[in-house]
Protein backbone atom coordinates (compact mmCIF):
# COMPACT_ATOMS: atom_id res chain seq x y z
CA UNK A 1 -0.07 -0.08 -0.03
CA UNK A 2 1.35 3.17 -1.39
CA UNK A 3 1.98 6.31 1.27
CA UNK A 4 -0.09 9.52 -0.01
CA UNK A 5 3.02 11.74 -0.57
CA UNK A 6 3.83 9.02 -3.18
CA UNK A 7 0.34 9.23 -4.89
CA UNK A 8 0.42 13.23 -5.51
CA UNK A 9 3.07 12.87 -7.89
CA UNK A 10 1.76 10.06 -9.98
CA UNK A 11 -1.49 12.37 -10.29
CA UNK A 12 0.19 14.95 -11.86
CA UNK A 13 2.66 12.99 -14.35
CA UNK A 14 0.92 9.74 -14.27
CA UNK A 15 2.43 6.13 -13.86
CA UNK A 16 5.24 6.48 -16.43
CA UNK A 17 6.93 10.13 -16.57
CA UNK A 18 8.03 11.50 -20.08
CA UNK A 19 11.13 10.66 -21.19
CA UNK A 20 11.91 13.85 -21.97
CA UNK A 21 11.61 14.95 -18.61
CA UNK A 22 13.78 12.82 -17.33
CA UNK A 23 16.70 14.01 -19.65
CA UNK A 24 15.78 17.35 -18.03
CA UNK A 25 16.52 16.37 -14.88
CA UNK A 26 19.60 14.73 -15.93
CA UNK A 27 20.93 17.71 -17.22
CA UNK A 28 19.62 19.98 -14.68
CA UNK A 29 21.81 17.56 -11.81
CA UNK A 30 24.61 17.50 -14.23
CA UNK A 31 24.67 21.35 -14.48
CA UNK A 32 24.25 21.64 -10.96
CA UNK A 33 27.57 19.68 -10.17
CA UNK A 34 29.47 21.67 -12.65
CA UNK A 35 28.31 25.01 -11.15
CA UNK A 36 29.37 23.69 -7.54
CA UNK A 37 32.68 22.39 -9.24
CA UNK A 38 33.53 25.82 -10.61
CA UNK A 39 32.79 27.57 -7.28
CA UNK A 40 35.23 25.08 -4.83
CA UNK A 41 38.14 25.72 -7.94
CA UNK A 42 37.61 29.06 -7.69
CA UNK A 43 37.84 29.62 -4.24
CA UNK A 44 40.62 27.07 -4.01
CA UNK A 45 42.81 29.38 -6.23
CA UNK A 46 42.20 32.42 -4.46
CA UNK A 47 44.46 31.15 -1.87
CA UNK A 48 46.58 29.28 -4.02
CA UNK A 49 49.66 31.60 -5.19
CA UNK A 50 50.01 32.00 -9.22
CA UNK A 51 53.54 31.02 -9.00
CA UNK A 52 54.57 28.28 -6.57
CA UNK A 53 58.57 28.43 -6.32
CA UNK A 54 60.49 25.63 -7.94
CA UNK A 55 62.34 23.39 -5.32
CA UNK A 56 65.46 20.72 -5.80
CA UNK A 57 65.76 18.12 -3.91
CA UNK A 58 69.47 16.78 -3.66
CA UNK A 59 70.42 19.36 -6.64
CA UNK A 60 67.83 17.59 -8.81
CA UNK A 61 64.23 18.85 -10.40
CA UNK A 62 61.31 17.19 -8.63
CA UNK A 63 59.05 15.98 -11.17
CA UNK A 64 55.79 16.17 -9.03
CA UNK A 65 55.39 18.45 -6.64
CA UNK A 66 52.28 19.46 -4.35
CA UNK A 67 50.17 22.27 -4.99
CA UNK A 68 51.16 24.65 -1.86
CA UNK A 69 54.16 23.07 -0.10
CA UNK A 70 55.42 24.24 3.12
CA UNK A 71 57.23 27.09 2.08
CA UNK A 72 55.02 28.40 0.21
CA UNK A 73 52.42 28.53 3.02
CA UNK A 74 55.33 30.40 5.44
CA UNK A 75 55.68 32.81 3.08
CA UNK A 76 52.10 33.60 2.78
CA UNK A 77 51.62 33.58 6.43
CA UNK A 78 54.59 36.21 6.86
CA UNK A 79 52.95 38.32 4.35
CA UNK A 80 55.97 38.07 1.41
CA UNK A 81 53.83 36.51 -1.05
CA UNK A 82 51.81 39.82 -1.00
CA UNK A 83 54.78 42.20 -1.24
CA UNK A 84 54.72 44.36 -4.02
CA UNK A 85 57.78 44.08 -6.54
CA UNK A 86 60.09 47.11 -6.18
CA UNK A 87 60.15 49.59 -9.15
CA UNK A 88 63.27 51.39 -10.79
CA UNK A 89 65.10 54.32 -9.47
CA UNK A 90 64.90 57.72 -11.77
CA UNK A 91 67.97 58.03 -14.00
CA UNK A 92 69.91 60.39 -11.62
CA UNK A 93 70.60 57.43 -9.30
CA UNK A 94 72.25 55.42 -12.28
CA UNK A 95 75.83 55.60 -10.74
CA UNK A 96 74.70 56.32 -6.86
CA UNK A 97 76.83 55.16 -3.76
CA UNK A 98 75.12 55.46 -0.65
CA UNK A 99 76.78 57.61 2.20
CA UNK A 100 78.60 59.62 -0.34
CA UNK A 101 77.55 62.73 -1.16
CA UNK A 102 79.59 65.77 -1.82
CA UNK A 103 77.50 68.18 -2.54
CA UNK A 104 75.57 67.41 1.40
CA UNK A 105 78.98 67.18 3.06
CA UNK A 106 79.93 70.91 1.55
CA UNK A 107 76.70 72.36 3.01
CA UNK A 108 77.77 70.59 6.24
CA UNK A 109 80.73 72.70 6.04
CA UNK A 110 82.97 69.70 5.68
CA UNK A 111 86.29 70.21 3.41
CA UNK A 112 89.84 69.95 3.11
CA UNK A 113 88.89 66.06 1.94
CA UNK A 114 86.33 65.03 4.27
CA UNK A 115 83.64 65.99 1.78
CA UNK A 116 84.86 63.01 -0.28
CA UNK A 117 84.65 60.72 2.67
CA UNK A 118 81.97 58.32 3.91
CA UNK A 119 79.48 59.87 5.70
CA UNK A 120 76.43 57.11 6.49
CA UNK A 121 75.35 58.90 9.95
CA UNK A 122 74.38 62.17 7.54
CA UNK A 123 72.73 59.93 4.74
CA UNK A 124 68.75 60.61 4.48
CA UNK A 125 66.81 57.28 3.47
CA UNK A 126 66.28 57.04 0.26
CA UNK A 127 62.98 55.58 -1.80
CA UNK A 128 62.78 51.65 -1.75
CA UNK A 129 63.46 51.71 -5.46
CA UNK A 130 66.08 49.58 -7.78
CA UNK A 131 68.98 51.33 -9.11
CA UNK A 132 68.41 51.08 -12.96
CA UNK A 133 71.76 50.57 -15.54
CA UNK A 134 72.64 53.54 -17.76
CA UNK A 135 71.06 53.37 -21.07
CA UNK A 136 73.83 52.05 -23.12
CA UNK A 137 75.06 49.61 -20.47
CA UNK A 138 76.09 46.20 -22.15
CA UNK A 139 77.14 43.16 -20.45
CA UNK A 140 80.99 43.27 -19.80
CA UNK A 141 83.25 40.79 -22.10
CA UNK A 142 84.29 37.68 -20.22
CA UNK A 143 87.78 37.26 -19.18
CA UNK A 144 90.35 37.59 -20.09
CA UNK A 145 89.03 39.63 -23.09
CA UNK A 146 87.43 42.17 -20.17
CA UNK A 147 90.59 43.25 -18.52
CA UNK A 148 91.60 44.73 -22.06
CA UNK A 149 88.61 45.98 -23.43
CA UNK A 150 85.40 47.71 -21.49
CA UNK A 151 81.89 49.55 -22.68
CA UNK A 152 82.13 53.04 -22.42
CA UNK A 153 79.10 52.96 -21.60
CA UNK A 154 79.34 50.85 -18.20
CA UNK A 155 81.55 53.93 -16.49
CA UNK A 156 80.72 57.31 -15.63
CA UNK A 157 83.71 58.55 -17.88
CA UNK A 158 82.56 60.32 -20.85
CA UNK A 159 84.90 61.17 -23.97
CA UNK A 160 85.24 64.82 -23.03
CA UNK A 161 86.91 63.33 -20.02
CA UNK A 162 88.70 60.98 -21.16
CA UNK A 163 90.22 63.80 -24.03
CA UNK A 164 90.94 66.13 -21.33
CA UNK A 165 92.79 63.64 -19.33
CA UNK A 166 96.56 63.42 -19.02
CA UNK A 167 99.22 62.24 -21.41
CA UNK A 168 100.03 59.29 -19.43
CA UNK A 169 96.34 58.14 -19.61
CA UNK A 170 96.12 58.57 -23.41
CA UNK A 171 98.90 56.17 -23.96
CA UNK A 172 97.41 53.81 -21.71
CA UNK A 173 94.01 53.89 -22.58
CA UNK A 174 92.50 54.39 -26.20
CA UNK A 175 88.82 55.43 -26.80
CA UNK A 176 87.57 53.21 -29.85
CA UNK A 177 83.92 53.99 -30.88
CA UNK A 178 82.01 52.93 -27.68
CA UNK A 179 84.78 50.90 -26.26
CA UNK A 180 87.80 51.91 -24.21
CA UNK A 181 90.72 49.60 -25.10
CA UNK A 182 93.91 49.20 -22.65
CA UNK A 183 97.09 48.14 -24.07
CA UNK A 184 98.19 44.61 -23.49
CA UNK A 185 101.36 43.03 -22.54
CA UNK A 186 102.87 42.77 -26.14
CA UNK A 187 101.57 46.71 -26.65
CA UNK A 188 103.04 48.44 -23.87
CA UNK A 189 105.17 51.25 -24.83
CA UNK A 190 108.75 51.81 -23.76
CA UNK A 191 107.69 53.99 -20.29
CA UNK A 192 104.58 52.06 -19.64
CA UNK A 193 103.78 49.94 -16.97
CA UNK A 194 106.03 47.08 -17.86
CA UNK A 195 108.92 49.29 -17.52
CA UNK A 196 107.59 51.05 -14.20
CA UNK A 197 107.02 48.17 -12.40
CA UNK A 198 110.65 46.69 -13.66
CA UNK A 199 111.74 49.95 -11.89
CA UNK A 200 109.69 49.50 -8.60
CA UNK A 201 111.71 45.97 -8.34
CA UNK A 202 114.98 47.45 -8.75
CA UNK A 203 114.36 50.00 -5.97
CA UNK A 204 113.42 47.26 -3.24
CA UNK A 205 116.54 45.30 -4.64
CA UNK A 206 115.27 42.78 -6.84
CA UNK A 207 116.21 42.14 -10.63
CA UNK A 208 112.95 42.43 -12.13
CA UNK A 209 109.34 42.36 -11.15
CA UNK A 210 109.10 38.78 -11.96
CA UNK A 211 111.31 38.09 -8.72
CA UNK A 212 108.49 39.75 -6.62
CA UNK A 213 106.79 36.25 -5.67
CA UNK A 214 110.29 35.06 -5.14
CA UNK A 215 110.82 37.71 -2.49
CA UNK A 216 107.69 37.21 -0.24
CA UNK A 217 105.30 39.53 -2.31
CA UNK A 218 102.06 37.79 -2.94
CA UNK A 219 99.49 40.87 -1.83
CA UNK A 220 99.83 44.57 -3.18
CA UNK A 221 97.58 47.47 -2.12
CA UNK A 222 97.32 50.03 -4.72
CA UNK A 223 96.52 53.79 -3.77
CA UNK A 224 95.10 55.75 -6.23
CA UNK A 225 95.27 53.08 -9.03
CA UNK A 226 94.18 55.10 -12.12
CA UNK A 227 92.49 53.06 -14.59
CA UNK A 228 94.09 49.72 -13.09
CA UNK A 229 97.10 49.42 -15.32
CA UNK A 230 99.49 48.85 -12.68
CA UNK A 231 97.24 45.97 -10.86
CA UNK A 232 96.13 44.37 -14.47
CA UNK A 233 100.02 43.76 -14.86
CA UNK A 234 100.30 42.53 -11.38
CA UNK A 235 97.80 40.13 -12.09
CA UNK A 236 100.14 38.68 -14.96
CA UNK A 237 102.71 38.33 -12.45
CA UNK A 238 100.24 35.97 -10.14
CA UNK A 239 99.97 38.98 -7.42
CA UNK A 240 96.89 39.88 -5.82
CA UNK A 241 96.60 43.81 -6.03
CA UNK A 242 93.54 45.37 -4.39
CA UNK A 243 92.83 49.29 -5.71
CA UNK A 244 91.93 51.37 -3.27
CA UNK A 245 90.61 55.14 -4.03
CA UNK A 246 88.82 58.02 -3.22
CA UNK A 247 85.27 58.50 -4.01
CA UNK A 248 84.93 60.40 -7.13
CA UNK A 249 81.60 61.99 -8.99
CA UNK A 250 82.87 61.30 -12.43
CA UNK A 251 85.96 59.18 -13.93
CA UNK A 252 85.97 57.11 -10.96
CA UNK A 253 89.07 54.88 -10.83
CA UNK A 254 87.63 52.28 -8.70
CA UNK A 255 84.79 51.76 -10.95
CA UNK A 256 87.24 51.59 -13.99
CA UNK A 257 89.14 48.73 -12.52
CA UNK A 258 86.11 46.89 -11.22
CA UNK A 259 84.49 46.80 -14.66
CA UNK A 260 88.31 45.41 -16.19
CA UNK A 261 87.92 42.87 -13.51
CA UNK A 262 90.26 43.98 -10.99
CA UNK A 263 89.77 44.02 -7.21
CA UNK A 264 89.06 47.61 -6.12
CA UNK A 265 87.03 49.48 -3.86
CA UNK A 266 86.28 52.73 -2.11
CA UNK A 267 88.11 53.97 0.48
CA UNK A 268 88.17 56.79 3.23
CA UNK A 269 91.80 58.83 3.67
CA UNK A 270 90.77 61.70 5.99
CA UNK A 271 88.42 61.06 8.56
CA UNK A 272 88.77 57.38 9.58
CA UNK A 273 91.06 54.28 9.29
CA UNK A 274 91.08 52.03 6.34
CA UNK A 275 89.27 48.71 7.25
CA UNK A 276 92.29 46.81 7.03
CA UNK A 277 94.54 45.39 9.99
CA UNK A 278 98.24 45.88 10.66
CA UNK A 279 100.68 44.01 8.52
CA UNK A 280 97.74 43.43 5.72
CA UNK A 281 99.54 43.97 2.74
CA UNK A 282 103.14 42.97 1.51
CA UNK A 283 103.74 45.97 -0.51
CA UNK A 284 101.80 49.59 -0.67
CA UNK A 285 102.29 51.25 -4.17
CA UNK A 286 101.00 54.96 -3.87
CA UNK A 287 101.71 57.04 -6.73
CA UNK A 288 101.55 60.83 -5.97
CA UNK A 289 98.84 60.18 -3.17
CA UNK A 290 100.20 62.51 -0.23
CA UNK A 291 99.10 60.03 2.48
CA UNK A 292 100.54 59.48 5.90
CA UNK A 293 100.26 55.71 7.29
CA UNK A 294 100.98 54.54 10.92
CA UNK A 295 102.06 50.78 11.17
CA UNK A 296 100.41 48.85 14.07
CA UNK A 297 98.91 45.86 15.20
CA UNK A 298 99.45 42.28 15.26
CA UNK A 299 99.94 39.33 13.94
CA UNK A 300 97.86 36.74 12.52
CA UNK A 301 97.26 33.53 14.45
CA UNK A 302 96.95 30.06 12.73
CA UNK A 303 93.26 28.61 11.78
CA UNK A 304 92.13 25.41 10.67
CA UNK A 305 89.67 24.51 7.49
CA UNK A 306 87.96 21.84 5.86
CA UNK A 307 89.09 22.42 2.60
CA UNK A 308 87.24 19.57 1.15
CA UNK A 309 83.89 20.52 2.31
CA UNK A 310 84.34 24.01 0.45
CA UNK A 311 85.91 21.77 -3.10
CA UNK A 312 82.49 19.89 -3.49
CA UNK A 313 80.28 23.23 -2.57
CA UNK A 314 81.99 25.17 -5.13
CA UNK A 315 81.31 22.37 -7.80
CA UNK A 316 77.57 22.54 -6.89
CA UNK A 317 77.89 25.90 -7.08
CA UNK A 318 79.34 26.27 -10.61
CA UNK A 319 76.93 24.00 -12.06
CA UNK A 320 73.95 25.79 -10.44
CA UNK A 321 75.46 28.88 -12.08
CA UNK A 322 74.78 27.54 -15.53
CA UNK A 323 71.23 28.05 -17.01
CA UNK A 324 70.69 24.29 -17.71
CA UNK A 325 69.77 23.82 -14.02
CA UNK A 326 66.54 25.94 -14.88
CA UNK A 327 65.16 23.63 -17.55
CA UNK A 328 64.23 20.14 -17.23
CA UNK A 329 67.49 18.64 -18.25
CA UNK A 330 67.98 15.15 -16.67
CA UNK A 331 72.19 15.88 -15.88
CA UNK A 332 73.12 15.93 -12.30
CA UNK A 333 74.82 19.24 -11.38
CA UNK A 334 78.33 18.42 -9.86
CA UNK A 335 78.94 15.40 -12.76
CA UNK A 336 80.32 18.07 -14.82
CA UNK A 337 81.95 21.48 -15.05
CA UNK A 338 79.53 23.13 -17.54
CA UNK A 339 80.28 26.68 -19.37
CA UNK A 340 80.12 29.62 -16.76
CA UNK A 341 76.83 31.73 -17.65
CA UNK A 342 76.52 33.74 -20.87
CA UNK A 343 77.40 36.96 -18.76
CA UNK A 344 80.98 36.86 -17.09
CA UNK A 345 81.81 35.38 -13.83
CA UNK A 346 84.98 37.27 -12.82
CA UNK A 347 84.38 39.94 -9.75
CA UNK A 348 82.82 37.39 -6.61
CA UNK A 349 81.96 38.71 -2.80
CA UNK A 350 82.01 36.11 -0.28
CA UNK A 351 79.59 38.08 2.11
CA UNK A 352 80.78 36.34 5.16
CA UNK A 353 83.99 34.61 4.33
CA UNK A 354 85.11 33.47 7.79
CA UNK A 355 88.54 31.91 6.73
CA UNK A 356 88.06 32.37 2.65
CA UNK A 357 87.42 28.90 2.07
CA UNK A 358 85.25 29.43 -0.93
CA UNK A 359 88.13 31.75 -2.26
CA UNK A 360 90.87 28.82 -1.64
CA UNK A 361 88.44 26.40 -3.39
CA UNK A 362 88.11 28.83 -6.25
CA UNK A 363 92.00 28.75 -6.67
CA UNK A 364 92.44 25.13 -6.44
CA UNK A 365 89.54 24.52 -8.77
CA UNK A 366 91.53 27.43 -11.40
CA UNK A 367 88.48 29.39 -11.48
CA UNK A 368 89.46 32.58 -13.38
CA UNK A 369 87.65 34.70 -10.85
CA UNK A 370 88.83 36.87 -7.76
CA UNK A 371 87.05 36.89 -4.64
CA UNK A 372 86.31 40.07 -1.91
CA UNK A 373 86.51 38.15 1.21
CA UNK A 374 83.89 40.51 3.28
CA UNK A 375 83.99 39.57 6.99
CA UNK A 376 81.15 41.11 9.19
CA UNK A 377 82.70 43.44 11.97
CA UNK A 378 80.57 42.11 14.77
CA UNK A 379 81.76 38.57 13.23
CA UNK A 380 85.20 36.72 14.77
CA UNK A 381 87.94 38.85 12.96
CA UNK A 382 89.69 36.40 10.69
CA UNK A 383 90.23 39.11 8.32
CA UNK A 384 94.19 38.90 9.07
CA UNK A 385 94.07 35.01 8.49
CA UNK A 386 92.38 35.53 5.23
CA UNK A 387 94.80 38.29 3.79
CA UNK A 388 97.95 35.90 5.37
CA UNK A 389 96.72 33.75 2.90
CA UNK A 390 97.02 35.99 -0.14
CA UNK A 391 93.48 36.47 -0.67
CA UNK A 392 91.87 40.17 -0.98
CA UNK A 393 89.81 40.97 1.90
CA UNK A 394 87.76 43.86 4.09
CA UNK A 395 86.07 44.46 6.96
CA UNK A 396 82.17 45.88 6.78
CA UNK A 397 79.44 46.55 8.65
CA UNK A 398 76.44 45.03 6.61
CA UNK A 399 73.86 47.01 8.38
CA UNK A 400 75.52 49.76 6.09
CA UNK A 401 76.11 49.83 2.55
CA UNK A 402 79.66 48.74 0.79
CA UNK A 403 81.61 51.26 -0.56
CA UNK A 404 81.36 50.54 -4.20
CA UNK A 405 79.92 51.69 -7.31
CA UNK A 406 76.68 50.13 -8.46
CA UNK A 407 77.18 46.81 -11.10
CA UNK A 408 80.39 46.09 -10.34
CA UNK A 409 80.11 42.06 -8.90
CA UNK A 410 79.14 39.52 -10.83
CA UNK A 411 78.25 36.71 -7.84
CA UNK A 412 77.17 37.45 -4.31
CA UNK A 413 77.65 34.45 -1.89
CA UNK A 414 76.38 34.59 1.41
CA UNK A 415 76.92 31.42 3.61
CA UNK A 416 74.55 31.94 7.23
CA UNK A 417 74.96 35.85 6.90
CA UNK A 418 71.31 36.46 6.92
CA UNK A 419 70.82 34.85 10.10
CA UNK A 420 73.37 36.89 11.96
CA UNK A 421 72.09 39.81 10.33
CA UNK A 422 68.70 39.10 11.89
CA UNK A 423 70.37 38.66 15.50
CA UNK A 424 71.94 42.06 14.48
CA UNK A 425 68.09 43.64 14.06
CA UNK A 426 69.60 45.01 10.55
CA UNK A 427 67.08 45.83 7.75
CA UNK A 428 67.24 42.70 5.06
CA UNK A 429 65.10 45.04 2.80
CA UNK A 430 67.93 47.67 2.90
CA UNK A 431 70.35 44.66 2.36
CA UNK A 432 68.71 43.10 -0.64
CA UNK A 433 68.73 46.38 -2.36
CA UNK A 434 72.29 47.15 -1.64
CA UNK A 435 73.14 43.51 -3.23
CA UNK A 436 70.96 44.28 -6.23
CA UNK A 437 72.37 47.87 -6.74
CA UNK A 438 76.24 46.27 -6.46
CA UNK A 439 75.06 43.37 -8.50
CA UNK A 440 75.62 43.65 -12.43
CA UNK A 441 72.22 42.72 -14.53
CA UNK A 442 72.21 39.16 -15.13
CA UNK A 443 74.36 38.48 -11.97
CA UNK A 444 74.11 35.48 -9.62
CA UNK A 445 73.66 35.45 -5.70
CA UNK A 446 73.71 32.12 -3.99
CA UNK A 447 72.08 32.03 0.21
CA UNK A 448 73.06 29.31 2.29
CA UNK A 449 71.31 29.43 5.11
CA UNK A 450 68.96 28.05 8.01
CA UNK A 451 65.34 27.25 6.36
CA UNK A 452 63.77 30.43 8.17
CA UNK A 453 66.36 32.78 6.83
CA UNK A 454 65.95 31.64 3.69
CA UNK A 455 62.11 31.89 3.53
CA UNK A 456 62.57 35.72 4.02
CA UNK A 457 65.06 36.00 1.53
CA UNK A 458 62.99 34.40 -0.92
CA UNK A 459 60.40 36.77 -0.60
CA UNK A 460 62.74 39.75 -0.62
CA UNK A 461 64.05 38.35 -3.37
CA UNK A 462 60.97 38.43 -5.40
CA UNK A 463 60.32 41.89 -4.63
CA UNK A 464 63.98 42.60 -6.19
CA UNK A 465 62.33 40.78 -9.58
CA UNK A 466 64.96 38.18 -9.23
CA UNK A 467 64.73 34.73 -10.59
CA UNK A 468 64.88 32.61 -7.38
CA UNK A 469 65.04 29.14 -6.85
CA UNK A 470 65.29 27.14 -3.55
CA UNK A 471 67.04 23.69 -3.44
CA UNK A 472 66.65 21.25 -0.68
CA UNK A 473 69.99 19.70 0.30
CA UNK A 474 67.92 16.52 0.98
CA UNK A 475 70.52 15.77 3.86
CA UNK A 476 67.95 15.92 6.61
CA UNK A 477 69.35 19.37 8.15
CA UNK A 478 67.84 22.52 8.29
CA UNK A 479 69.53 23.94 5.73
CA UNK A 480 69.14 25.38 2.18
CA UNK A 481 70.27 26.93 -0.68
CA UNK A 482 68.61 30.07 -2.39
CA UNK A 483 70.01 30.60 -5.84
CA UNK A 484 69.48 33.87 -7.54
CA UNK A 485 69.69 35.69 -10.80
CA UNK A 486 69.12 39.31 -11.50
CA UNK A 487 67.34 40.64 -14.63
CA UNK A 488 68.83 42.70 -17.17
CA UNK A 489 66.02 45.34 -17.06
CA UNK A 490 66.10 48.62 -19.44
CA UNK A 491 63.33 51.08 -19.25
């Protein structure tokens, strides 16, 4: 016996509902399912980032990834995924060097050379923007060709400044269309750098400059280095020559030397001491610099270092610098030594150098690079040990900008620096803006740090417009790598 609620539909539709009505019901049900499905997907998409980071495990691309991984969730929760990308600074800041503002220093009654010194305490916070390259900027030539030929549009010296320079400059440097060409070893004139270097050797009792190394001269501080010709010659003698010169608004010696792939940095000579300990260099070359020097300090102590670890790390680093790592190529990095990226890797900075292990590994692997080994001022002072090994190095406070011109380094390496600076409460955004300023277009950054610091670095790298890849070492540790590349942006 049927219940009354069942009899009502039968009275309306009869014993057998029409087939067309059944089909209509099926279509309505399917449509309802589609609507509900699309709504749920749109809700999921609204909380899922549009571009999840590529993560490598044990230096190999993972074939399958979850839609939202742990790192991305942490980045979103910290607000990093919602930060805006920074814009470009105005053209007036193309060659911006923080803490050096001659006009402001003159207005503050600084004179007698102090107006050209570093005064970070007087610097005003600038707008958070990325220093753009000059209109005619080009990627530097690879070493060693880049030592003798540079693009004139990459440095501040103009054609008129070159033509008005002294006769020695014109004899050592030629202006050819959009390039500056420097005399090679075979093309040096009689009274050029080669003959000058020989005279310097004779002055200290040597038979020639080829005997510098035998006499114990490995590191040279070149004060007021001109356009780097003397330093370039010393490089051919296997000597580490570091150029240091005062800040210049135009025609910078330091910028010219770095563009040629030679170690250099801006120095202060009036208001404060140079950032080197005593007994740092085997020879100081100072041509007409008029500076009075004081000598004091202690000898460096011994050190211990695991060089095998750094050799292994360098092989992996060098492989990661090849664009091939960003593709689906099955090659495992480290199995071979690929060609460096299409931009020149010559000027390298180790931002937390400790004992110079990365520098030593570079030399052992015969890489054609030099390394500026930076020791943070509040870290253990290992700079005497670095300099005693014949490497370039300097003390620096990373809560302040580094004394160099924009676009002067091809590779920045930071091992454990971020965690150290977080404990010092330094501004991470200011640090990344500074790294972007001193990094050449298409240059590279390698961070090695704890997971929490890498998360912060990844979010900031995205704001810098850097191409960023997180690499899981797959060794059970909390350590991660973040490999970034700065794009070449021209507007």
